[in-house]
């Protein structure tokens, strides 16, 4: 006979809590295979700037350097990719790996993609929180600054442990 397993639990911890402060006018969207997304106000005929929020689960011991290498490989594979600045950053007391790339999307044209990742260690897992912002890199366009501000506002906390019975 098998025992019932529950999510969240000690064996299957809940995902970390993610708090972000979007700019005025940005909205929340549900997107497939992500926790969600924040979207800039849409303008007809233009690409809508956005920040996609995702969490992926890894085995304990998976670290920031592991996901950093994965991010670099992905960004380098984008069409006509030009990788820009990379550095470890501390945001609200948590270490992040941040990378920006410029590339040409087949339908949207030139895009900037700003990716920030951090790893939340839990007893049974390592959870990768990824914030991926995309926008058109146009002169006078404040979308990239808005994406930077969303990432700079990130507060990530491990999920609370399972409820304790008294």
C-alpha atoms as a PDB file:
ATOM      1  CA  UNK A   1       0.000   0.000   0.000  1.00  0.00           C
ATOM      2  CA  UNK A   2       1.345   3.444  -0.901  1.00  0.00           C
ATOM      3  CA  UNK A   3       1.066   6.455   1.334  1.00  0.00           C
ATOM      4  CA  UNK A   4      -0.463   9.708   0.224  1.00  0.00           C
ATOM      5  CA  UNK A   5       1.979  12.481  -0.693  1.00  0.00           C
ATOM      6  CA  UNK A   6       1.086  16.137  -0.397  1.00  0.00           C
ATOM      7  CA  UNK A   7       2.371  19.287  -2.056  1.00  0.00           C
ATOM      8  CA  UNK A   8       3.517  21.388  -0.333  1.00  0.00           C
ATOM      9  CA  UNK A   9       5.145  19.277   2.346  1.00  0.00           C
ATOM     10  CA  UNK A  10       8.597  18.636   3.775  1.00  0.00           C
ATOM     11  CA  UNK A  11       9.347  16.257   0.879  1.00  0.00           C
ATOM     12  CA  UNK A  12       7.796  18.588  -1.724  1.00  0.00           C
ATOM     13  CA  UNK A  13       8.298  22.158  -0.476  1.00  0.00           C
ATOM     14  CA  UNK A  14       6.241  25.069  -1.780  1.00  0.00           C
ATOM     15  CA  UNK A  15       7.900  27.475  -4.192  1.00  0.00           C
ATOM     16  CA  UNK A  16       9.571  30.589  -2.818  1.00  0.00           C
ATOM     17  CA  UNK A  17       7.590  33.783  -2.348  1.00  0.00           C
ATOM     18  CA  UNK A  18       8.369  36.348  -5.062  1.00  0.00           C
ATOM     19  CA  UNK A  19       7.515  40.032  -4.527  1.00  0.00           C
ATOM     20  CA  UNK A  20       7.973  42.528  -7.379  1.00  0.00           C
ATOM     21  CA  UNK A  21       7.014  46.169  -7.839  1.00  0.00           C
ATOM     22  CA  UNK A  22       5.919  46.802 -11.431  1.00  0.00           C
ATOM     23  CA  UNK A  23       5.829  50.333 -12.863  1.00  0.00           C
ATOM     24  CA  UNK A  24       2.512  52.176 -12.965  1.00  0.00           C
ATOM     25  CA  UNK A  25       0.266  50.874 -15.715  1.00  0.00           C
ATOM     26  CA  UNK A  26       1.852  47.432 -15.950  1.00  0.00           C
ATOM     27  CA  UNK A  27      -0.547  44.505 -15.589  1.00  0.00           C
ATOM     28  CA  UNK A  28      -0.314  40.905 -14.452  1.00  0.00           C
ATOM     29  CA  UNK A  29      -0.778  38.120 -16.980  1.00  0.00           C
ATOM     30  CA  UNK A  30      -0.995  34.352 -16.734  1.00  0.00           C
ATOM     31  CA  UNK A  31       1.420  32.757 -19.193  1.00  0.00           C
ATOM     32  CA  UNK A  32       2.032  29.062 -19.920  1.00  0.00           C
ATOM     33  CA  UNK A  33       4.890  27.349 -18.088  1.00  0.00           C
ATOM     34  CA  UNK A  34       5.614  30.341 -15.868  1.00  0.00           C
ATOM     35  CA  UNK A  35       4.460  31.690 -12.534  1.00  0.00           C
ATOM     36  CA  UNK A  36       3.187  34.713 -14.433  1.00  0.00           C
ATOM     37  CA  UNK A  37       4.241  37.861 -16.229  1.00  0.00           C
ATOM     38  CA  UNK A  38       4.120  41.602 -15.821  1.00  0.00           C
ATOM     39  CA  UNK A  39       3.261  43.504 -19.001  1.00  0.00           C
ATOM     40  CA  UNK A  40       3.776  47.135 -19.974  1.00  0.00           C
ATOM     41  CA  UNK A  41       0.824  48.982 -21.455  1.00  0.00           C
ATOM     42  CA  UNK A  42       0.348  47.743 -25.021  1.00  0.00           C
ATOM     43  CA  UNK A  43       0.894  50.123 -27.916  1.00  0.00           C
ATOM     44  CA  UNK A  44      -0.535  49.127 -31.286  1.00  0.00           C
ATOM     45  CA  UNK A  45       2.159  48.001 -33.701  1.00  0.00           C
ATOM     46  CA  UNK A  46       4.879  47.764 -31.048  1.00  0.00           C
ATOM     47  CA  UNK A  47       6.295  44.888 -29.050  1.00  0.00           C
ATOM     48  CA  UNK A  48       4.932  44.924 -25.481  1.00  0.00           C
ATOM     49  CA  UNK A  49       7.677  45.037 -22.887  1.00  0.00           C
ATOM     50  CA  UNK A  50       7.330  42.332 -20.250  1.00  0.00           C
ATOM     51  CA  UNK A  51       8.941  40.481 -17.374  1.00  0.00           C
ATOM     52  CA  UNK A  52       8.219  36.746 -17.201  1.00  0.00           C
ATOM     53  CA  UNK A  53       8.545  35.155 -13.757  1.00  0.00           C
ATOM     54  CA  UNK A  54       9.439  31.482 -13.565  1.00  0.00           C
ATOM     55  CA  UNK A  55      10.526  28.961 -10.955  1.00  0.00           C
ATOM     56  CA  UNK A  56      12.162  25.644 -11.715  1.00  0.00           C
ATOM     57  CA  UNK A  57      13.075  22.961  -9.248  1.00  0.00           C
ATOM     58  CA  UNK A  58      16.517  21.330  -9.051  1.00  0.00           C
ATOM     59  CA  UNK A  59      18.180  18.874  -6.711  1.00  0.00           C
ATOM     60  CA  UNK A  60      19.816  20.195  -3.537  1.00  0.00           C
ATOM     61  CA  UNK A  61      23.305  21.532  -4.198  1.00  0.00           C
ATOM     62  CA  UNK A  62      22.435  23.144  -7.543  1.00  0.00           C
ATOM     63  CA  UNK A  63      24.032  26.567  -7.399  1.00  0.00           C
ATOM     64  CA  UNK A  64      24.059  29.987  -8.946  1.00  0.00           C
ATOM     65  CA  UNK A  65      27.111  29.129 -11.083  1.00  0.00           C
ATOM     66  CA  UNK A  66      25.188  26.175 -12.578  1.00  0.00           C
ATOM     67  CA  UNK A  67      22.219  28.273 -13.675  1.00  0.00           C
ATOM     68  CA  UNK A  68      24.524  31.104 -14.817  1.00  0.00           C
ATOM     69  CA  UNK A  69      26.197  28.759 -17.318  1.00  0.00           C
ATOM     70  CA  UNK A  70      22.773  27.619 -18.534  1.00  0.00           C
ATOM     71  CA  UNK A  71      21.570  31.221 -18.998  1.00  0.00           C
ATOM     72  CA  UNK A  72      24.705  32.102 -20.986  1.00  0.00           C
ATOM     73  CA  UNK A  73      24.271  29.092 -23.276  1.00  0.00           C
ATOM     74  CA  UNK A  74      20.637  29.966 -23.934  1.00  0.00           C
ATOM     75  CA  UNK A  75      21.271  33.664 -24.611  1.00  0.00           C
ATOM     76  CA  UNK A  76      24.220  32.838 -26.864  1.00  0.00           C
ATOM     77  CA  UNK A  77      21.919  30.602 -28.953  1.00  0.00           C
ATOM     78  CA  UNK A  78      19.507  33.447 -29.800  1.00  0.00           C
ATOM     79  CA  UNK A  79      19.523  34.648 -33.437  1.00  0.00           C
ATOM     80  CA  UNK A  80      22.308  37.189 -34.011  1.00  0.00           C
ATOM     81  CA  UNK A  81      22.904  37.351 -30.253  1.00  0.00           C
ATOM     82  CA  UNK A  82      25.201  39.957 -28.792  1.00  0.00           C
ATOM     83  CA  UNK A  83      25.805  39.255 -25.099  1.00  0.00           C
ATOM     84  CA  UNK A  84      26.215  42.362 -22.991  1.00  0.00           C
ATOM     85  CA  UNK A  85      27.223  42.873 -19.373  1.00  0.00           C
ATOM     86  CA  UNK A  86      27.339  40.052 -16.927  1.00  0.00           C
ATOM     87  CA  UNK A  87      27.977  40.194 -13.251  1.00  0.00           C
ATOM     88  CA  UNK A  88      26.896  38.825  -9.929  1.00  0.00           C
ATOM     89  CA  UNK A  89      24.569  41.274  -8.205  1.00  0.00           C
ATOM     90  CA  UNK A  90      23.072  41.436  -4.738  1.00  0.00           C
ATOM     91  CA  UNK A  91      19.423  42.484  -4.733  1.00  0.00           C
ATOM     92  CA  UNK A  92      17.687  42.873  -1.376  1.00  0.00           C
ATOM     93  CA  UNK A  93      20.285  40.660   0.310  1.00  0.00           C
ATOM     94  CA  UNK A  94      20.152  37.811  -2.239  1.00  0.00           C
ATOM     95  CA  UNK A  95      22.826  36.919  -4.812  1.00  0.00           C
ATOM     96  CA  UNK A  96      21.687  37.025  -8.449  1.00  0.00           C
ATOM     97  CA  UNK A  97      23.302  36.380 -11.801  1.00  0.00           C
ATOM     98  CA  UNK A  98      22.285  39.019 -14.338  1.00  0.00           C
ATOM     99  CA  UNK A  99      22.849  38.956 -18.106  1.00  0.00           C
ATOM    100  CA  UNK A 100      21.616  41.083 -20.980  1.00  0.00           C
ATOM    101  CA  UNK A 101      21.553  40.172 -24.655  1.00  0.00           C
ATOM    102  CA  UNK A 102      20.468  41.883 -27.843  1.00  0.00           C
ATOM    103  CA  UNK A 103      19.176  39.699 -30.650  1.00  0.00           C
ATOM    104  CA  UNK A 104      16.838  39.623 -33.634  1.00  0.00           C
ATOM    105  CA  UNK A 105      13.534  37.852 -33.118  1.00  0.00           C
ATOM    106  CA  UNK A 106      12.078  36.466 -36.389  1.00  0.00           C
ATOM    107  CA  UNK A 107       8.680  38.143 -35.877  1.00  0.00           C
ATOM    108  CA  UNK A 108       9.367  41.002 -33.451  1.00  0.00           C
ATOM    109  CA  UNK A 109      12.670  42.272 -34.863  1.00  0.00           C
ATOM    110  CA  UNK A 110      15.449  43.628 -32.618  1.00  0.00           C
ATOM    111  CA  UNK A 111      14.912  42.827 -28.937  1.00  0.00           C
ATOM    112  CA  UNK A 112      16.775  43.255 -25.686  1.00  0.00           C
ATOM    113  CA  UNK A 113      16.466  40.404 -23.207  1.00  0.00           C
ATOM    114  CA  UNK A 114      17.446  40.952 -19.590  1.00  0.00           C
ATOM    115  CA  UNK A 115      17.688  37.793 -17.485  1.00  0.00           C
ATOM    116  CA  UNK A 116      18.201  37.643 -13.717  1.00  0.00           C
ATOM    117  CA  UNK A 117      18.395  34.346 -11.825  1.00  0.00           C
ATOM    118  CA  UNK A 118      18.836  33.353  -8.208  1.00  0.00           C
ATOM    119  CA  UNK A 119      18.808  30.024  -6.390  1.00  0.00           C
ATOM    120  CA  UNK A 120      16.747  29.455  -3.254  1.00  0.00           C
ATOM    121  CA  UNK A 121      18.135  26.565  -1.238  1.00  0.00           C
ATOM    122  CA  UNK A 122      15.591  24.465   0.576  1.00  0.00           C
ATOM    123  CA  UNK A 123      16.189  21.224   2.459  1.00  0.00           C
ATOM    124  CA  UNK A 124      14.667  18.986  -0.222  1.00  0.00           C
ATOM    125  CA  UNK A 125      15.426  21.119  -3.302  1.00  0.00           C
ATOM    126  CA  UNK A 126      17.070  24.102  -4.912  1.00  0.00           C
ATOM    127  CA  UNK A 127      14.581  26.404  -6.622  1.00  0.00           C
ATOM    128  CA  UNK A 128      15.721  28.640  -9.464  1.00  0.00           C
ATOM    129  CA  UNK A 129      13.812  31.919  -9.666  1.00  0.00           C
ATOM    130  CA  UNK A 130      14.195  33.560 -13.072  1.00  0.00           C
ATOM    131  CA  UNK A 131      13.036  37.003 -14.135  1.00  0.00           C
ATOM    132  CA  UNK A 132      13.255  37.503 -17.902  1.00  0.00           C
ATOM    133  CA  UNK A 133      12.496  40.940 -19.290  1.00  0.00           C
ATOM    134  CA  UNK A 134      12.119  41.635 -23.003  1.00  0.00           C
ATOM    135  CA  UNK A 135      11.611  44.853 -24.932  1.00  0.00           C
ATOM    136  CA  UNK A 136      12.551  46.647 -28.122  1.00  0.00           C
ATOM    137  CA  UNK A 137      15.852  48.503 -27.651  1.00  0.00           C
ATOM    138  CA  UNK A 138      14.708  51.795 -29.200  1.00  0.00           C
ATOM    139  CA  UNK A 139      16.162  55.258 -28.576  1.00  0.00           C
ATOM    140  CA  UNK A 140      14.131  57.103 -25.984  1.00  0.00           C
ATOM    141  CA  UNK A 141      12.339  53.915 -24.959  1.00  0.00           C
ATOM    142  CA  UNK A 142      12.108  53.615 -21.167  1.00  0.00           C
ATOM    143  CA  UNK A 143      11.064  49.954 -21.247  1.00  0.00           C
ATOM    144  CA  UNK A 144      14.542  48.637 -20.420  1.00  0.00           C
ATOM    145  CA  UNK A 145      14.770  50.971 -17.417  1.00  0.00           C
ATOM    146  CA  UNK A 146      11.347  49.735 -16.305  1.00  0.00           C
ATOM    147  CA  UNK A 147      12.549  46.120 -16.556  1.00  0.00           C
ATOM    148  CA  UNK A 148      15.651  46.985 -14.515  1.00  0.00           C
ATOM    149  CA  UNK A 149      13.427  48.544 -11.838  1.00  0.00           C
ATOM    150  CA  UNK A 150      11.203  45.451 -11.641  1.00  0.00           C
ATOM    151  CA  UNK A 151      14.258  43.231 -11.146  1.00  0.00           C
ATOM    152  CA  UNK A 152      15.790  45.656  -8.611  1.00  0.00           C
ATOM    153  CA  UNK A 153      12.583  45.431  -6.569  1.00  0.00           C
ATOM    154  CA  UNK A 154      12.715  41.627  -6.298  1.00  0.00           C
ATOM    155  CA  UNK A 155      12.262  40.203  -2.816  1.00  0.00           C
ATOM    156  CA  UNK A 156      12.570  36.421  -2.746  1.00  0.00           C
ATOM    157  CA  UNK A 157      11.985  34.389   0.397  1.00  0.00           C
ATOM    158  CA  UNK A 158      11.997  30.620   0.864  1.00  0.00           C
ATOM    159  CA  UNK A 159       8.614  29.037   1.315  1.00  0.00           C
ATOM    160  CA  UNK A 160       7.618  28.528   4.919  1.00  0.00           C
ATOM    161  CA  UNK A 161       8.022  24.993   6.200  1.00  0.00           C
ATOM    162  CA  UNK A 162       5.013  22.680   6.428  1.00  0.00           C
ATOM    163  CA  UNK A 163       2.507  23.473   9.141  1.00  0.00           C
ATOM    164  CA  UNK A 164       3.491  21.966  12.452  1.00  0.00           C
ATOM    165  CA  UNK A 165       0.864  20.005  14.351  1.00  0.00           C
ATOM    166  CA  UNK A 166       0.465  20.972  17.985  1.00  0.00           C
END
